Amino acid sequence: MAEPSTVARPYAEAAFRLAEGSNALGKWSTMVAALAQVAGDKRVQAAIADPARSDAQAAGVFISILAGQLDGGAENFVRVLAENKRLELLPEIRTQFEALKNEREGVVEAEVVSAFELSAAQVADLTQRLEKKTGRKVRTTVQIDKELIGGVKVVIGDKVIDGSARGQLSALETALKA
């Protein structure tokens, strides 16, 4: 059985091409995010998994919940997903759509995990430094993890910059064992 990310990729690319073709990346980003949120709801998952429900009815669940929030192209996209039994992939489709959008816009996502609450000035300074380091615009999300003891850990794609006290102590422990 194929990985969900592999199966979701062509749908994410199709949605991206539709959005790009209509010069509506922001609008499509919002619509795909709303669809993914609906797909994550347990009640909706149960409704679309019901074998008595037709593909058109499954698509109708999404379209009716998001009435007025989807344009015709997005509604057709939902119908195609329903016909191919792929509605449950919407969260992964959203992830891949956002990655394509970010790549197109030259944006990289950075997840900052800090031991303590960071001020807006500290986040802005860190974001600026990351933009200088990556050469791209950085969109930063911050989480708090007291387990770090102190400092921050930054994750950008598959790169990790661990400046936390816990990370430093772990590196020291590894060096001492060697």
C-alpha atoms as a PDB file:
ATOM      1  CA  MET A   1       0.000   0.000   0.000  1.00  0.00           C
ATOM      2  CA  ALA A   2       1.339   3.424  -0.971  1.00  0.00           C
ATOM      3  CA  GLU A   3       2.231   6.045   1.598  1.00  0.00           C
ATOM      4  CA  PRO A   4      -0.433   8.741   2.101  1.00  0.00           C
ATOM      5  CA  SER A   5       2.084  11.413   1.082  1.00  0.00           C
ATOM      6  CA  THR A   6       2.721   9.619  -2.222  1.00  0.00           C
ATOM      7  CA  VAL A   7      -0.990   9.257  -2.973  1.00  0.00           C
ATOM      8  CA  ALA A   8      -1.735  12.865  -1.929  1.00  0.00           C
ATOM      9  CA  ARG A   9       1.037  14.416  -4.056  1.00  0.00           C
ATOM     10  CA  PRO A  10      -0.771  14.474  -7.442  1.00  0.00           C
ATOM     11  CA  TYR A  11      -3.867  15.984  -5.838  1.00  0.00           C
ATOM     12  CA  ALA A  12      -1.821  18.660  -4.071  1.00  0.00           C
ATOM     13  CA  GLU A  13      -0.026  19.446  -7.326  1.00  0.00           C
ATOM     14  CA  ALA A  14      -3.341  19.629  -9.208  1.00  0.00           C
ATOM     15  CA  ALA A  15      -4.803  22.001  -6.618  1.00  0.00           C
ATOM     16  CA  PHE A  16      -1.638  24.091  -6.768  1.00  0.00           C
ATOM     17  CA  ARG A  17      -1.822  24.311 -10.581  1.00  0.00           C
ATOM     18  CA  LEU A  18      -5.487  25.334 -10.377  1.00  0.00           C
ATOM     19  CA  ALA A  19      -4.662  27.999  -7.793  1.00  0.00           C
ATOM     20  CA  GLU A  20      -1.656  29.255  -9.711  1.00  0.00           C
ATOM     21  CA  GLY A  21      -3.572  29.280 -12.994  1.00  0.00           C
ATOM     22  CA  SER A  22      -6.298  31.443 -11.511  1.00  0.00           C
ATOM     23  CA  ASN A  23      -3.755  33.610  -9.660  1.00  0.00           C
ATOM     24  CA  ALA A  24      -5.427  32.706  -6.363  1.00  0.00           C
ATOM     25  CA  LEU A  25      -2.796  30.948  -4.239  1.00  0.00           C
ATOM     26  CA  GLY A  26      -3.922  32.700  -1.059  1.00  0.00           C
ATOM     27  CA  LYS A  27      -7.590  31.912  -1.645  1.00  0.00           C
ATOM     28  CA  TRP A  28      -6.848  28.265  -2.427  1.00  0.00           C
ATOM     29  CA  SER A  29      -4.592  28.017   0.607  1.00  0.00           C
ATOM     30  CA  THR A  30      -7.517  29.133   2.765  1.00  0.00           C
ATOM     31  CA  MET A  31      -9.948  26.749   1.053  1.00  0.00           C
ATOM     32  CA  VAL A  32      -7.620  23.737   1.277  1.00  0.00           C
ATOM     33  CA  ALA A  33      -6.961  24.529   4.952  1.00  0.00           C
ATOM     34  CA  ALA A  34     -10.719  24.625   5.626  1.00  0.00           C
ATOM     35  CA  LEU A  35     -11.200  21.334   3.776  1.00  0.00           C
ATOM     36  CA  ALA A  36      -8.393  19.718   5.769  1.00  0.00           C
ATOM     37  CA  GLN A  37      -9.928  20.925   9.025  1.00  0.00           C
ATOM     38  CA  VAL A  38     -13.298  19.440   8.085  1.00  0.00           C
ATOM     39  CA  ALA A  39     -11.614  16.176   7.037  1.00  0.00           C
ATOM     40  CA  GLY A  40      -9.985  15.982  10.469  1.00  0.00           C
ATOM     41  CA  ASP A  41     -13.327  15.997  12.289  1.00  0.00           C
ATOM     42  CA  LYS A  42     -14.247  12.546  13.653  1.00  0.00           C
ATOM     43  CA  ARG A  43     -17.935  12.956  12.777  1.00  0.00           C
ATOM     44  CA  VAL A  44     -17.100  13.817   9.174  1.00  0.00           C
ATOM     45  CA  GLN A  45     -14.690  10.861   8.977  1.00  0.00           C
ATOM     46  CA  ALA A  46     -17.466   8.558  10.172  1.00  0.00           C
ATOM     47  CA  ALA A  47     -19.937  10.052   7.687  1.00  0.00           C
ATOM     48  CA  ILE A  48     -17.684   9.642   4.649  1.00  0.00           C
ATOM     49  CA  ALA A  49     -16.645   6.129   5.720  1.00  0.00           C
ATOM     50  CA  ASP A  50     -20.285   4.992   5.684  1.00  0.00           C
ATOM     51  CA  PRO A  51     -20.544   2.523   2.774  1.00  0.00           C
ATOM     52  CA  ALA A  52     -24.190   3.475   2.250  1.00  0.00           C
ATOM     53  CA  ARG A  53     -23.125   7.036   1.382  1.00  0.00           C
ATOM     54  CA  SER A  54     -22.429   7.694  -2.315  1.00  0.00           C
ATOM     55  CA  ASP A  55     -19.397   9.620  -3.548  1.00  0.00           C
ATOM     56  CA  ALA A  56     -21.634  12.573  -4.400  1.00  0.00           C
ATOM     57  CA  GLN A  57     -23.094  12.514  -0.890  1.00  0.00           C
ATOM     58  CA  ALA A  58     -19.618  12.355   0.664  1.00  0.00           C
ATOM     59  CA  ALA A  59     -18.570  15.390  -1.391  1.00  0.00           C
ATOM     60  CA  GLY A  60     -21.836  17.061  -0.411  1.00  0.00           C
ATOM     61  CA  VAL A  61     -20.919  16.744   3.269  1.00  0.00           C
ATOM     62  CA  PHE A  62     -17.831  18.908   2.717  1.00  0.00           C
ATOM     63  CA  ILE A  63     -19.533  21.322   0.350  1.00  0.00           C
ATOM     64  CA  SER A  64     -22.489  21.872   2.706  1.00  0.00           C
ATOM     65  CA  ILE A  65     -20.290  22.315   5.797  1.00  0.00           C
ATOM     66  CA  LEU A  66     -18.182  24.901   3.948  1.00  0.00           C
ATOM     67  CA  ALA A  67     -21.099  26.553   2.142  1.00  0.00           C
ATOM     68  CA  GLY A  68     -20.001  29.910   0.756  1.00  0.00           C
ATOM     69  CA  GLN A  69     -16.321  29.284   1.516  1.00  0.00           C
ATOM     70  CA  LEU A  70     -15.502  27.235  -1.589  1.00  0.00           C
ATOM     71  CA  ASP A  71     -15.496  28.427  -5.172  1.00  0.00           C
ATOM     72  CA  GLY A  72     -16.602  26.227  -8.086  1.00  0.00           C
ATOM     73  CA  GLY A  73     -13.088  24.935  -8.687  1.00  0.00           C
ATOM     74  CA  ALA A  74     -12.693  23.841  -5.070  1.00  0.00           C
ATOM     75  CA  GLU A  75     -16.105  22.159  -5.096  1.00  0.00           C
ATOM     76  CA  ASN A  76     -15.092  20.218  -8.214  1.00  0.00           C
ATOM     77  CA  PHE A  77     -11.813  19.322  -6.500  1.00  0.00           C
ATOM     78  CA  VAL A  78     -13.801  17.868  -3.579  1.00  0.00           C
ATOM     79  CA  ARG A  79     -15.969  15.878  -5.988  1.00  0.00           C
ATOM     80  CA  VAL A  80     -12.888  14.390  -7.683  1.00  0.00           C
ATOM     81  CA  LEU A  81     -11.430  13.452  -4.289  1.00  0.00           C
ATOM     82  CA  ALA A  82     -14.735  11.816  -3.296  1.00  0.00           C
ATOM     83  CA  GLU A  83     -14.968   9.849  -6.571  1.00  0.00           C
ATOM     84  CA  ASN A  84     -11.442   8.538  -6.011  1.00  0.00           C
ATOM     85  CA  LYS A  85     -12.055   7.805  -2.301  1.00  0.00           C
ATOM     86  CA  ARG A  86      -9.350  10.300  -1.281  1.00  0.00           C
ATOM     87  CA  LEU A  87     -11.180  12.759   0.989  1.00  0.00           C
ATOM     88  CA  GLU A  88      -9.293  11.428   4.030  1.00  0.00           C
ATOM     89  CA  LEU A  89      -6.057  12.656   2.403  1.00  0.00           C
ATOM     90  CA  LEU A  90      -7.042  16.320   2.674  1.00  0.00           C
ATOM     91  CA  PRO A  91      -4.742  17.067   5.661  1.00  0.00           C
ATOM     92  CA  GLU A  92      -1.753  15.658   3.743  1.00  0.00           C
ATOM     93  CA  ILE A  93      -2.878  17.436   0.565  1.00  0.00           C
ATOM     94  CA  ARG A  94      -2.922  20.673   2.554  1.00  0.00           C
ATOM     95  CA  THR A  95       0.595  20.072   3.871  1.00  0.00           C
ATOM     96  CA  GLN A  96       1.936  19.440   0.382  1.00  0.00           C
ATOM     97  CA  PHE A  97      -0.044  22.335  -1.120  1.00  0.00           C
ATOM     98  CA  GLU A  98       1.455  24.706   1.464  1.00  0.00           C
ATOM     99  CA  ALA A  99       4.944  23.371   0.744  1.00  0.00           C
ATOM    100  CA  LEU A 100       4.462  24.056  -2.985  1.00  0.00           C
ATOM    101  CA  LYS A 101       3.056  27.510  -2.221  1.00  0.00           C
ATOM    102  CA  ASN A 102       5.944  28.331   0.120  1.00  0.00           C
ATOM    103  CA  GLU A 103       8.479  27.166  -2.455  1.00  0.00           C
ATOM    104  CA  ARG A 104       6.837  29.327  -5.118  1.00  0.00           C
ATOM    105  CA  GLU A 105       6.837  32.342  -2.800  1.00  0.00           C
ATOM    106  CA  GLY A 106      10.378  31.722  -1.528  1.00  0.00           C
ATOM    107  CA  VAL A 107       9.189  31.094   2.016  1.00  0.00           C
ATOM    108  CA  VAL A 108      10.514  28.488   4.424  1.00  0.00           C
ATOM    109  CA  GLU A 109       8.735  27.331   7.588  1.00  0.00           C
ATOM    110  CA  ALA A 110      10.723  27.427  10.815  1.00  0.00           C
ATOM    111  CA  GLU A 111       9.522  25.758  13.990  1.00  0.00           C
ATOM    112  CA  VAL A 112      11.151  27.340  17.027  1.00  0.00           C
ATOM    113  CA  VAL A 113      10.928  25.449  20.302  1.00  0.00           C
ATOM    114  CA  SER A 114      11.945  27.520  23.302  1.00  0.00           C
ATOM    115  CA  ALA A 115      12.318  26.741  26.969  1.00  0.00           C
ATOM    116  CA  PHE A 116      10.676  30.070  27.837  1.00  0.00           C
ATOM    117  CA  GLU A 117       8.190  32.484  26.314  1.00  0.00           C
ATOM    118  CA  LEU A 118       9.854  34.677  23.670  1.00  0.00           C
ATOM    119  CA  SER A 119       8.979  38.343  23.263  1.00  0.00           C
ATOM    120  CA  ALA A 120       7.862  39.647  19.880  1.00  0.00           C
ATOM    121  CA  ALA A 121      11.238  41.418  19.531  1.00  0.00           C
ATOM    122  CA  GLN A 122      13.126  38.166  20.203  1.00  0.00           C
ATOM    123  CA  VAL A 123      11.031  36.275  17.640  1.00  0.00           C
ATOM    124  CA  ALA A 124      11.550  39.071  15.094  1.00  0.00           C
ATOM    125  CA  ASP A 125      15.322  39.048  15.715  1.00  0.00           C
ATOM    126  CA  LEU A 126      15.493  35.252  15.423  1.00  0.00           C
ATOM    127  CA  THR A 127      13.401  35.337  12.237  1.00  0.00           C
ATOM    128  CA  GLN A 128      15.680  37.987  10.753  1.00  0.00           C
ATOM    129  CA  ARG A 129      18.773  35.906  11.553  1.00  0.00           C
ATOM    130  CA  LEU A 130      17.187  32.799  10.032  1.00  0.00           C
ATOM    131  CA  GLU A 131      16.285  34.755   6.885  1.00  0.00           C
ATOM    132  CA  LYS A 132      19.902  35.891   6.582  1.00  0.00           C
ATOM    133  CA  LYS A 133      21.138  32.313   7.124  1.00  0.00           C
ATOM    134  CA  THR A 134      18.708  30.683   4.653  1.00  0.00           C
ATOM    135  CA  GLY A 135      18.497  33.483   2.105  1.00  0.00           C
ATOM    136  CA  ARG A 136      14.713  33.059   2.073  1.00  0.00           C
ATOM    137  CA  LYS A 137      11.724  34.583   3.805  1.00  0.00           C
ATOM    138  CA  VAL A 138      11.038  32.678   7.030  1.00  0.00           C
ATOM    139  CA  ARG A 139       7.614  32.042   8.541  1.00  0.00           C
ATOM    140  CA  THR A 140       8.160  31.263  12.226  1.00  0.00           C
ATOM    141  CA  THR A 141       5.986  29.336  14.651  1.00  0.00           C
ATOM    142  CA  VAL A 142       6.986  29.206  18.308  1.00  0.00           C
ATOM    143  CA  GLN A 143       6.286  26.469  20.844  1.00  0.00           C
ATOM    144  CA  ILE A 144       7.272  26.247  24.491  1.00  0.00           C
ATOM    145  CA  ASP A 145       8.958  23.138  25.907  1.00  0.00           C
ATOM    146  CA  LYS A 146      10.215  23.441  29.486  1.00  0.00           C
ATOM    147  CA  GLU A 147      12.162  20.172  28.982  1.00  0.00           C
ATOM    148  CA  LEU A 148      14.767  22.136  26.991  1.00  0.00           C
ATOM    149  CA  ILE A 149      15.924  23.780  30.262  1.00  0.00           C
ATOM    150  CA  GLY A 150      17.145  26.873  28.374  1.00  0.00           C
ATOM    151  CA  GLY A 151      17.815  28.154  24.860  1.00  0.00           C
ATOM    152  CA  VAL A 152      15.998  27.286  21.642  1.00  0.00           C
ATOM    153  CA  LYS A 153      15.814  24.546  19.058  1.00  0.00           C
ATOM    154  CA  VAL A 154      14.998  25.511  15.456  1.00  0.00           C
ATOM    155  CA  VAL A 155      13.688  23.085  12.846  1.00  0.00           C
ATOM    156  CA  ILE A 156      13.697  24.202   9.203  1.00  0.00           C
ATOM    157  CA  GLY A 157      12.696  21.391   6.890  1.00  0.00           C
ATOM    158  CA  ASP A 158      15.076  18.547   7.649  1.00  0.00           C
ATOM    159  CA  LYS A 159      17.658  20.767   9.366  1.00  0.00           C
ATOM    160  CA  VAL A 160      17.793  21.111  13.137  1.00  0.00           C
ATOM    161  CA  ILE A 161      19.713  23.831  14.946  1.00  0.00           C
ATOM    162  CA  ASP A 162      19.774  22.800  18.595  1.00  0.00           C
ATOM    163  CA  GLY A 163      20.917  25.631  20.832  1.00  0.00           C
ATOM    164  CA  SER A 164      19.039  24.325  23.856  1.00  0.00           C
ATOM    165  CA  ALA A 165      20.691  23.514  27.154  1.00  0.00           C
ATOM    166  CA  ARG A 166      19.292  19.980  26.937  1.00  0.00           C
ATOM    167  CA  GLY A 167      20.811  19.567  23.461  1.00  0.00           C
ATOM    168  CA  GLN A 168      24.184  20.864  24.637  1.00  0.00           C
ATOM    169  CA  LEU A 169      24.155  18.536  27.655  1.00  0.00           C
ATOM    170  CA  SER A 170      23.240  15.612  25.414  1.00  0.00           C
ATOM    171  CA  ALA A 171      26.123  16.415  23.048  1.00  0.00           C
ATOM    172  CA  LEU A 172      28.503  16.679  26.011  1.00  0.00           C
ATOM    173  CA  GLU A 173      27.293  13.314  27.342  1.00  0.00           C
ATOM    174  CA  THR A 174      27.856  11.692  23.921  1.00  0.00           C
ATOM    175  CA  ALA A 175      31.358  13.200  23.682  1.00  0.00           C
ATOM    176  CA  LEU A 176      32.277  11.984  27.145  1.00  0.00           C
ATOM    177  CA  LYS A 177      31.121   8.427  26.385  1.00  0.00           C
ATOM    178  CA  ALA A 178      33.226   8.239  23.221  1.00  0.00           C
END
